[in-house]
């Protein structure tokens, strides 16, 4: 039996026009070899979100993460600037920090080498007799890190254009909402038994809402009213006009800037490769995805409020109700996407034709194919 090349299979899949398109072949999800290509050509060469900038609220506040297998520290330095650096000691290569917290210095748990918040080596016990030791050249390697509209974005690629350039069209769509002014009120980490692309695609289309979310938001979703416009080179989007049933999804009564439908428009942005944002005049929530093998995805799940609702005395009660709803919606998505992964293991698993409501999935597949076919 000839060996399947998922990269070539995906290229053939996206070579047809959208009106005749099929879902991506199962090998693109199940192949360990394809995942290795994704790590090298997508996750090591893209901007990846590790949360909101306001979650690091003072000097020494830090979080740890991994980018394409690289352990990374993101923190506020002594002057409050956002920085990212390797989370690997320059001595015997132990990882340095875990989780989240606040530190005055970074201390290696193995031999107590210490680093300042700018990554420079501050102290190294019992190294005075080694003639090759140079304190000035033993700092932690820096990693590119920017605050893009309130999102902490990292990349391992030293030559990649800035997010403001790559995702410039985002401003044309949602610049009037000023994402940077929203504040995060919850942040959680989850791990589901599905491929990262299955969850990404699930966010990109609302075709599944009436059935997958029958217990929550599905009843308010009508297929005939859904529109999926063409996306852009590095992200896709769609939007929904919300009714009055979720007050936080609407502009606050005190808001005198937003007018007409903009007061009730919800935006869904899929920022390639793996940042999924739901943005409304009152709140936002997001998923930032990382593959954990072909069969699991690590999920950073967070959300928060616009400035108007943060100042509302009833905002906490509104947010509690909203968080309950979002958790229920997430639970439904978990069930649906894990079933898709299970089905892909079948010998009978073959991709079917796409609905006109799945244009974002087709565009995502095109982007994936371009990325894995180069480099």
Foldseek 3Di string as FASTA:
>chain_A
DDDDDLLVQLVVQLPDDQVFHWFRWLCCLAPLVNVLLCLVQFQQADKFFPFFPVVQPAAQWWAWDDTSRFIKIWHQANVGDIWMFGQFFLPPTDGFDHGTDGDQWTFRPPQGFIAHRVQQTDDGPPPVPPPVDDRRPRGTGTWDWDQDLRTIITHNDPPDDDPCVVVVCVCVPCVVLSSNQWDWDDKDKDKAFFALLLLLLVLQFCPCQLPLVVVACNVVDDPVPFDFDDQDLFKGKGKDFDDPPQVLQFADPVDPPDDDSLRGMWMWMRGPPAWTWIDGSFKIKIWGWDGDGSGMIMIIIIMGTHPVLVPDPCSVVSVVVVVVRVVVSVVSSSVVRNVVRVVSVDPPDGIDRDDNRSNRSSSNSVSSSVRSVDD
